[in-house]
PDB file of all heavy atoms in Angstrom:
ATOM      1  N   SER A   1      94.246  92.405 113.148  1.00  0.00           N
ATOM      2  CA  SER A   1      94.134  92.470 111.654  1.00  0.00           C
ATOM      3  C   SER A   1      93.125  93.445 111.199  1.00  0.00           C
ATOM      4  O   SER A   1      91.916  93.265 111.418  1.00  0.00           O
ATOM      5  CB  SER A   1      93.713  91.010 111.112  1.00  0.00           C
ATOM      6  OG  SER A   1      93.762  90.988 109.703  1.00  0.00           O
ATOM      7  N   LEU A   2      93.704  94.529 110.629  1.00  0.00           N
ATOM      8  CA  LEU A   2      92.779  95.657 110.201  1.00  0.00           C
ATOM      9  C   LEU A   2      93.087  96.085 108.837  1.00  0.00           C
ATOM     10  O   LEU A   2      94.331  95.951 108.259  1.00  0.00           O
ATOM     11  CB  LEU A   2      92.980  96.811 111.206  1.00  0.00           C
ATOM     12  CG  LEU A   2      92.605  96.617 112.590  1.00  0.00           C
ATOM     13  CD1 LEU A   2      93.081  97.786 113.512  1.00  0.00           C
ATOM     14  CD2 LEU A   2      91.122  96.485 112.740  1.00  0.00           C
ATOM     15  N   ALA A   3      92.107  96.733 108.181  1.00  0.00           N
ATOM     16  CA  ALA A   3      92.345  97.314 106.889  1.00  0.00           C
ATOM     17  C   ALA A   3      93.204  98.557 107.041  1.00  0.00           C
ATOM     18  O   ALA A   3      93.204  99.271 108.065  1.00  0.00           O
ATOM     19  CB  ALA A   3      91.016  97.724 106.208  1.00  0.00           C
ATOM     20  N   LEU A   4      93.972  98.875 105.977  1.00  0.00           N
ATOM     21  CA  LEU A   4      94.910 100.032 106.056  1.00  0.00           C
ATOM     22  C   LEU A   4      94.250 101.321 106.488  1.00  0.00           C
ATOM     23  O   LEU A   4      94.734 102.053 107.243  1.00  0.00           O
ATOM     24  CB  LEU A   4      95.620 100.157 104.672  1.00  0.00           C
ATOM     25  CG  LEU A   4      96.669 101.336 104.498  1.00  0.00           C
ATOM     26  CD1 LEU A   4      97.643 101.168 105.510  1.00  0.00           C
ATOM     27  CD2 LEU A   4      97.184 101.444 103.149  1.00  0.00           C
ATOM     28  N   ALA A   5      93.091 101.465 105.868  1.00  0.00           N
ATOM     29  CA  ALA A   5      92.252 102.739 106.159  1.00  0.00           C
ATOM     30  C   ALA A   5      92.008 102.875 107.664  1.00  0.00           C
ATOM     31  O   ALA A   5      91.928 104.002 108.163  1.00  0.00           O
ATOM     32  CB  ALA A   5      90.917 102.726 105.493  1.00  0.00           C
ATOM     33  N   GLU A   6      91.917 101.854 108.474  1.00  0.00           N
ATOM     34  CA  GLU A   6      91.615 101.924 109.927  1.00  0.00           C
ATOM     35  C   GLU A   6      92.833 102.386 110.721  1.00  0.00           C
ATOM     36  O   GLU A   6      92.637 102.992 111.785  1.00  0.00           O
ATOM     37  CB  GLU A   6      91.124 100.562 110.403  1.00  0.00           C
ATOM     38  CG  GLU A   6      89.740 100.124 109.825  1.00  0.00           C
ATOM     39  CD  GLU A   6      89.203  98.919 110.522  1.00  0.00           C
ATOM     40  OE1 GLU A   6      88.452  99.054 111.459  1.00  0.00           O
ATOM     41  OE2 GLU A   6      89.432  97.822 110.038  1.00  0.00           O
ATOM     42  N   ILE A   7      94.091 102.111 110.184  1.00  0.00           N
ATOM     43  CA  ILE A   7      95.232 102.461 111.063  1.00  0.00           C
ATOM     44  C   ILE A   7      95.846 103.813 110.646  1.00  0.00           C
ATOM     45  O   ILE A   7      96.564 104.365 111.429  1.00  0.00           O
ATOM     46  CB  ILE A   7      96.364 101.384 111.027  1.00  0.00           C
ATOM     47  CG1 ILE A   7      96.917 101.265 109.637  1.00  0.00           C
ATOM     48  CG2 ILE A   7      95.629  99.993 111.351  1.00  0.00           C
ATOM     49  CD1 ILE A   7      98.204 100.439 109.651  1.00  0.00           C
ATOM     50  N   LEU A   8      95.515 104.280 109.382  1.00  0.00           N
ATOM     51  CA  LEU A   8      96.180 105.483 109.029  1.00  0.00           C
ATOM     52  C   LEU A   8      95.978 106.790 109.987  1.00  0.00           C
ATOM     53  O   LEU A   8      96.858 107.485 110.112  1.00  0.00           O
ATOM     54  CB  LEU A   8      95.608 105.837 107.586  1.00  0.00           C
ATOM     55  CG  LEU A   8      96.079 104.969 106.422  1.00  0.00           C
ATOM     56  CD1 LEU A   8      95.488 105.459 105.082  1.00  0.00           C
ATOM     57  CD2 LEU A   8      97.630 104.767 106.318  1.00  0.00           C
ATOM     58  N   PRO A   9      94.762 106.990 110.562  1.00  0.00           N
ATOM     59  CA  PRO A   9      94.496 107.982 111.421  1.00  0.00           C
ATOM     60  C   PRO A   9      95.491 108.026 112.656  1.00  0.00           C
ATOM     61  O   PRO A   9      95.675 109.035 113.379  1.00  0.00           O
ATOM     62  CB  PRO A   9      93.054 107.862 111.865  1.00  0.00           C
ATOM     63  CG  PRO A   9      92.361 107.106 110.745  1.00  0.00           C
ATOM     64  CD  PRO A   9      93.534 106.160 110.254  1.00  0.00           C
ATOM     65  N   LEU A  10      96.135 106.989 112.941  1.00  0.00           N
ATOM     66  CA  LEU A  10      97.040 106.826 114.136  1.00  0.00           C
ATOM     67  C   LEU A  10      98.321 107.515 113.874  1.00  0.00           C
ATOM     68  O   LEU A  10      99.088 107.950 114.897  1.00  0.00           O
ATOM     69  CB  LEU A  10      97.324 105.429 114.468  1.00  0.00           C
ATOM     70  CG  LEU A  10      96.216 104.642 115.172  1.00  0.00           C
ATOM     71  CD1 LEU A  10      96.660 103.096 115.121  1.00  0.00           C
ATOM     72  CD2 LEU A  10      96.169 105.082 116.588  1.00  0.00           C
ATOM     73  N   PHE A  11      98.678 107.838 112.580  1.00  0.00           N
ATOM     74  CA  PHE A  11     100.078 108.293 112.279  1.00  0.00           C
ATOM     75  C   PHE A  11     100.049 109.715 111.728  1.00  0.00           C
ATOM     76  O   PHE A  11      99.051 110.274 111.160  1.00  0.00           O
ATOM     77  CB  PHE A  11     100.705 107.347 111.238  1.00  0.00           C
ATOM     78  CG  PHE A  11     100.825 105.947 111.747  1.00  0.00           C
ATOM     79  CD1 PHE A  11      99.817 105.031 111.594  1.00  0.00           C
ATOM     80  CD2 PHE A  11     101.988 105.647 112.457  1.00  0.00           C
ATOM     81  CE1 PHE A  11      99.999 103.744 112.014  1.00  0.00           C
ATOM     82  CE2 PHE A  11     102.180 104.331 112.972  1.00  0.00           C
ATOM     83  CZ  PHE A  11     101.160 103.430 112.679  1.00  0.00           C
ATOM     84  N   THR A  12     101.105 110.355 111.994  1.00  0.00           N
ATOM     85  CA  THR A  12     101.202 111.855 111.443  1.00  0.00           C
ATOM     86  C   THR A  12     101.390 111.775 109.947  1.00  0.00           C
ATOM     87  O   THR A  12     101.753 110.841 109.299  1.00  0.00           O
ATOM     88  CB  THR A  12     102.510 112.505 112.037  1.00  0.00           C
ATOM     89  OG1 THR A  12     103.674 111.863 111.649  1.00  0.00           O
ATOM     90  CG2 THR A  12     102.425 112.398 113.578  1.00  0.00           C
ATOM     91  N   LYS A  13     101.087 113.052 109.475  1.00  0.00           N
ATOM     92  CA  LYS A  13     101.331 113.188 107.922  1.00  0.00           C
ATOM     93  C   LYS A  13     102.759 112.839 107.476  1.00  0.00           C
ATOM     94  O   LYS A  13     102.870 112.240 106.492  1.00  0.00           O
ATOM     95  CB  LYS A  13     100.915 114.574 107.525  1.00  0.00           C
ATOM     96  CG  LYS A  13     101.132 114.883 106.016  1.00  0.00           C
ATOM     97  CD  LYS A  13     100.828 116.298 105.766  1.00  0.00           C
ATOM     98  CE  LYS A  13     101.372 116.692 104.303  1.00  0.00           C
ATOM     99  NZ  LYS A  13     101.179 118.110 103.980  1.00  0.00           N
ATOM    100  N   HIS A  14     103.715 113.314 108.370  1.00  0.00           N
ATOM    101  CA  HIS A  14     105.114 112.996 107.978  1.00  0.00           C
ATOM    102  C   HIS A  14     105.402 111.482 107.953  1.00  0.00           C
ATOM    103  O   HIS A  14     106.058 110.947 107.037  1.00  0.00           O
ATOM    104  CB  HIS A  14     106.003 113.662 108.967  1.00  0.00           C
ATOM    105  CG  HIS A  14     107.509 113.344 108.818  1.00  0.00           C
ATOM    106  ND1 HIS A  14     108.205 113.879 107.826  1.00  0.00           N
ATOM    107  CD2 HIS A  14     108.334 112.487 109.537  1.00  0.00           C
ATOM    108  CE1 HIS A  14     109.482 113.390 107.915  1.00  0.00           C
ATOM    109  NE2 HIS A  14     109.527 112.543 108.993  1.00  0.00           N
ATOM    110  N   GLU A  15     104.760 110.789 108.933  1.00  0.00           N
ATOM    111  CA  GLU A  15     104.966 109.297 108.970  1.00  0.00           C
ATOM    112  C   GLU A  15     104.369 108.667 107.721  1.00  0.00           C
ATOM    113  O   GLU A  15     104.818 107.622 107.111  1.00  0.00           O
ATOM    114  CB  GLU A  15     104.431 108.733 110.210  1.00  0.00           C
ATOM    115  CG  GLU A  15     105.308 109.108 111.434  1.00  0.00           C
ATOM    116  CD  GLU A  15     104.647 108.749 112.777  1.00  0.00           C
ATOM    117  OE1 GLU A  15     103.299 108.903 112.871  1.00  0.00           O
ATOM    118  OE2 GLU A  15     105.352 108.385 113.716  1.00  0.00           O
ATOM    119  N   LEU A  16     103.196 109.167 107.316  1.00  0.00           N
ATOM    120  CA  LEU A  16     102.458 108.551 106.253  1.00  0.00           C
ATOM    121  C   LEU A  16     103.157 108.720 104.921  1.00  0.00           C
ATOM    122  O   LEU A  16     103.395 107.871 104.181  1.00  0.00           O
ATOM    123  CB  LEU A  16     101.030 109.189 106.094  1.00  0.00           C
ATOM    124  CG  LEU A  16     100.030 108.931 107.281  1.00  0.00           C
ATOM    125  CD1 LEU A  16      98.773 109.558 106.983  1.00  0.00           C
ATOM    126  CD2 LEU A  16      99.965 107.395 107.450  1.00  0.00           C
ATOM    127  N   LEU A  17     103.767 109.989 104.786  1.00  0.00           N
ATOM    128  CA  LEU A  17     104.560 110.281 103.557  1.00  0.00           C
ATOM    129  C   LEU A  17     105.766 109.308 103.529  1.00  0.00           C
ATOM    130  O   LEU A  17     106.098 108.764 102.390  1.00  0.00           O
ATOM    131  CB  LEU A  17     105.025 111.609 103.606  1.00  0.00           C
ATOM    132  CG  LEU A  17     103.944 112.732 103.293  1.00  0.00           C
ATOM    133  CD1 LEU A  17     104.476 114.023 103.511  1.00  0.00           C
ATOM    134  CD2 LEU A  17     103.503 112.621 101.819  1.00  0.00           C
ATOM    135  N   ALA A  18     106.435 109.046 104.664  1.00  0.00           N
ATOM    136  CA  ALA A  18     107.616 108.238 104.756  1.00  0.00           C
ATOM    137  C   ALA A  18     107.343 106.705 104.458  1.00  0.00           C
ATOM    138  O   ALA A  18     108.147 105.974 103.995  1.00  0.00           O
ATOM    139  CB  ALA A  18     108.303 108.345 106.092  1.00  0.00           C
ATOM    140  N   SER A  19     106.070 106.393 104.604  1.00  0.00           N
ATOM    141  CA  SER A  19     105.656 105.003 104.405  1.00  0.00           C
ATOM    142  C   SER A  19     105.299 104.631 103.017  1.00  0.00           C
ATOM    143  O   SER A  19     105.185 103.423 102.629  1.00  0.00           O
ATOM    144  CB  SER A  19     104.459 104.569 105.358  1.00  0.00           C
ATOM    145  OG  SER A  19     103.242 105.194 104.822  1.00  0.00           O
ATOM    146  N   SER A  20     105.210 105.577 102.196  1.00  0.00           N
ATOM    147  CA  SER A  20     104.668 105.370 100.815  1.00  0.00           C
ATOM    148  C   SER A  20     105.876 104.787  99.844  1.00  0.00           C
ATOM    149  O   SER A  20     106.948 105.409  99.843  1.00  0.00           O
ATOM    150  CB  SER A  20     104.256 106.648 100.154  1.00  0.00           C
ATOM    151  OG  SER A  20     103.746 106.328  98.850  1.00  0.00           O
ATOM    152  N   PRO A  21     105.693 103.655  99.208  1.00  0.00           N
ATOM    153  CA  PRO A  21     106.660 103.129  98.430  1.00  0.00           C
ATOM    154  C   PRO A  21     106.999 104.161  97.176  1.00  0.00           C
ATOM    155  O   PRO A  21     108.014 104.116  96.672  1.00  0.00           O
ATOM    156  CB  PRO A  21     106.102 101.701  97.900  1.00  0.00           C
ATOM    157  CG  PRO A  21     105.116 101.410  98.834  1.00  0.00           C
ATOM    158  CD  PRO A  21     104.585 102.742  99.409  1.00  0.00           C
ATOM    159  N   GLU A  22     105.929 104.812  96.803  1.00  0.00           N
ATOM    160  CA  GLU A  22     106.024 105.751  95.752  1.00  0.00           C
ATOM    161  C   GLU A  22     106.133 107.232  96.426  1.00  0.00           C
ATOM    162  O   GLU A  22     105.254 107.477  97.096  1.00  0.00           O
ATOM    163  CB  GLU A  22     104.805 105.738  94.759  1.00  0.00           C
ATOM    164  CG  GLU A  22     104.587 104.364  94.188  1.00  0.00           C
ATOM    165  CD  GLU A  22     103.339 104.340  93.376  1.00  0.00           C
ATOM    166  OE1 GLU A  22     102.669 105.406  93.230  1.00  0.00           O
ATOM    167  OE2 GLU A  22     102.946 103.198  92.988  1.00  0.00           O
ATOM    168  N   PRO A  23     107.207 108.055  96.041  1.00  0.00           N
ATOM    169  CA  PRO A  23     107.227 109.312  96.596  1.00  0.00           C
ATOM    170  C   PRO A  23     105.949 110.155  96.296  1.00  0.00           C
ATOM    171  O   PRO A  23     105.471 110.131  95.233  1.00  0.00           O
ATOM    172  CB  PRO A  23     108.500 109.910  95.805  1.00  0.00           C
ATOM    173  CG  PRO A  23     109.287 108.818  95.388  1.00  0.00           C
ATOM    174  CD  PRO A  23     108.182 107.656  95.101  1.00  0.00           C
ATOM    175  N   LEU A  24     105.658 110.811  97.436  1.00  0.00           N
ATOM    176  CA  LEU A  24     104.367 111.751  97.278  1.00  0.00           C
ATOM    177  C   LEU A  24     104.775 113.095  97.611  1.00  0.00           C
ATOM    178  O   LEU A  24     105.647 113.399  98.396  1.00  0.00           O
ATOM    179  CB  LEU A  24     103.386 111.319  98.234  1.00  0.00           C
ATOM    180  CG  LEU A  24     102.764 109.817  98.165  1.00  0.00           C
ATOM    181  CD1 LEU A  24     101.809 109.493  99.285  1.00  0.00           C
ATOM    182  CD2 LEU A  24     102.032 109.807  96.871  1.00  0.00           C
ATOM    183  N   PRO A  25     104.183 114.161  96.928  1.00  0.00           N
ATOM    184  CA  PRO A  25     104.470 115.497  97.193  1.00  0.00           C
ATOM    185  C   PRO A  25     104.181 115.920  98.659  1.00  0.00           C
ATOM    186  O   PRO A  25     103.111 115.678  99.217  1.00  0.00           O
ATOM    187  CB  PRO A  25     103.610 116.261  96.217  1.00  0.00           C
ATOM    188  CG  PRO A  25     103.218 115.339  95.172  1.00  0.00           C
ATOM    189  CD  PRO A  25     103.110 113.959  95.782  1.00  0.00           C
ATOM    190  N   LYS A  26     105.049 116.586  99.229  1.00  0.00           N
ATOM    191  CA  LYS A  26     105.019 116.991 100.573  1.00  0.00           C
ATOM    192  C   LYS A  26     103.823 118.149 100.731  1.00  0.00           C
ATOM    193  O   LYS A  26     103.456 118.388 101.818  1.00  0.00           O
ATOM    194  CB  LYS A  26     106.242 117.637 101.129  1.00  0.00           C
ATOM    195  CG  LYS A  26     107.337 116.410 101.340  1.00  0.00           C
ATOM    196  CD  LYS A  26     108.670 117.055 101.947  1.00  0.00           C
ATOM    197  CE  LYS A  26     109.618 115.957 102.103  1.00  0.00           C
ATOM    198  NZ  LYS A  26     110.965 116.482 102.690  1.00  0.00           N
ATOM    199  N   THR A  27     103.544 118.663  99.576  1.00  0.00           N
ATOM    200  CA  THR A  27     102.486 119.775  99.576  1.00  0.00           C
ATOM    201  C   THR A  27     101.130 119.183  99.688  1.00  0.00           C
ATOM    202  O   THR A  27     100.159 120.048 100.013  1.00  0.00           O
ATOM    203  CB  THR A  27     102.647 120.575  98.439  1.00  0.00           C
ATOM    204  OG1 THR A  27     102.532 119.769  97.225  1.00  0.00           O
ATOM    205  CG2 THR A  27     103.937 121.408  98.400  1.00  0.00           C
ATOM    206  N   LEU A  28     100.815 117.903  99.585  1.00  0.00           N
ATOM    207  CA  LEU A  28      99.656 117.379  99.643  1.00  0.00           C
ATOM    208  C   LEU A  28      98.950 117.569 101.063  1.00  0.00           C
ATOM    209  O   LEU A  28      99.697 117.499 102.130  1.00  0.00           O
ATOM    210  CB  LEU A  28      99.630 115.865  99.370  1.00  0.00           C
ATOM    211  CG  LEU A  28      99.833 115.371  97.896  1.00  0.00           C
ATOM    212  CD1 LEU A  28      99.968 113.832  97.858  1.00  0.00           C
ATOM    213  CD2 LEU A  28      98.811 115.956  96.999  1.00  0.00           C
ATOM    214  N   LYS A  29      97.645 117.812 101.063  1.00  0.00           N
ATOM    215  CA  LYS A  29      96.986 117.870 102.292  1.00  0.00           C
ATOM    216  C   LYS A  29      96.853 116.384 102.865  1.00  0.00           C
ATOM    217  O   LYS A  29      96.877 115.482 102.071  1.00  0.00           O
ATOM    218  CB  LYS A  29      95.558 118.429 102.124  1.00  0.00           C
ATOM    219  CG  LYS A  29      95.639 119.862 101.593  1.00  0.00           C
ATOM    220  CD  LYS A  29      96.084 120.836 102.663  1.00  0.00           C
ATOM    221  CE  LYS A  29      96.073 122.223 102.205  1.00  0.00           C
ATOM    222  NZ  LYS A  29      96.579 123.177 103.191  1.00  0.00           N
ATOM    223  N   ARG A  30      96.567 116.346 104.085  1.00  0.00           N
ATOM    224  CA  ARG A  30      96.525 114.922 104.711  1.00  0.00           C
ATOM    225  C   ARG A  30      95.476 114.018 104.057  1.00  0.00           C
ATOM    226  O   ARG A  30      95.828 112.944 103.769  1.00  0.00           O
ATOM    227  CB  ARG A  30      96.231 115.052 106.257  1.00  0.00           C
ATOM    228  CG  ARG A  30      96.343 113.680 106.903  1.00  0.00           C
ATOM    229  CD  ARG A  30      95.785 113.662 108.440  1.00  0.00           C
ATOM    230  NE  ARG A  30      95.757 112.350 108.798  1.00  0.00           N
ATOM    231  CZ  ARG A  30      96.742 111.670 109.490  1.00  0.00           C
ATOM    232  NH1 ARG A  30      97.918 112.286 109.804  1.00  0.00           N
ATOM    233  NH2 ARG A  30      96.650 110.351 109.787  1.00  0.00           N
ATOM    234  N   PRO A  31      94.185 114.572 103.877  1.00  0.00           N
ATOM    235  CA  PRO A  31      93.302 113.564 103.174  1.00  0.00           C
ATOM    236  C   PRO A  31      93.749 113.143 101.856  1.00  0.00           C
ATOM    237  O   PRO A  31      93.541 111.836 101.498  1.00  0.00           O
ATOM    238  CB  PRO A  31      91.987 114.491 103.074  1.00  0.00           C
ATOM    239  CG  PRO A  31      92.173 115.535 104.103  1.00  0.00           C
ATOM    240  CD  PRO A  31      93.633 115.738 104.266  1.00  0.00           C
ATOM    241  N   ALA A  32      94.533 113.979 101.108  1.00  0.00           N
ATOM    242  CA  ALA A  32      95.004 113.516  99.892  1.00  0.00           C
ATOM    243  C   ALA A  32      96.154 112.517  99.911  1.00  0.00           C
ATOM    244  O   ALA A  32      96.263 111.547  99.196  1.00  0.00           O
ATOM    245  CB  ALA A  32      95.526 114.750  99.022  1.00  0.00           C
ATOM    246  N   VAL A  33      96.831 112.669 101.045  1.00  0.00           N
ATOM    247  CA  VAL A  33      97.963 111.663 101.308  1.00  0.00           C
ATOM    248  C   VAL A  33      97.378 110.311 101.572  1.00  0.00           C
ATOM    249  O   VAL A  33      97.762 109.227 101.149  1.00  0.00           O
ATOM    250  CB  VAL A  33      98.893 112.120 102.588  1.00  0.00           C
ATOM    251  CG1 VAL A  33      99.898 110.977 102.915  1.00  0.00           C
ATOM    252  CG2 VAL A  33      99.656 113.375 102.138  1.00  0.00           C
TER     253      VAL A  33
END
């Protein structure tokens, strides 16, 4: 059981964008994503 912030570094930027319920611009840098 972990906070979301702890698991995000495990995934690629593409995977993070795909996980968002709200569409995010693909041009965002990873920290912004």
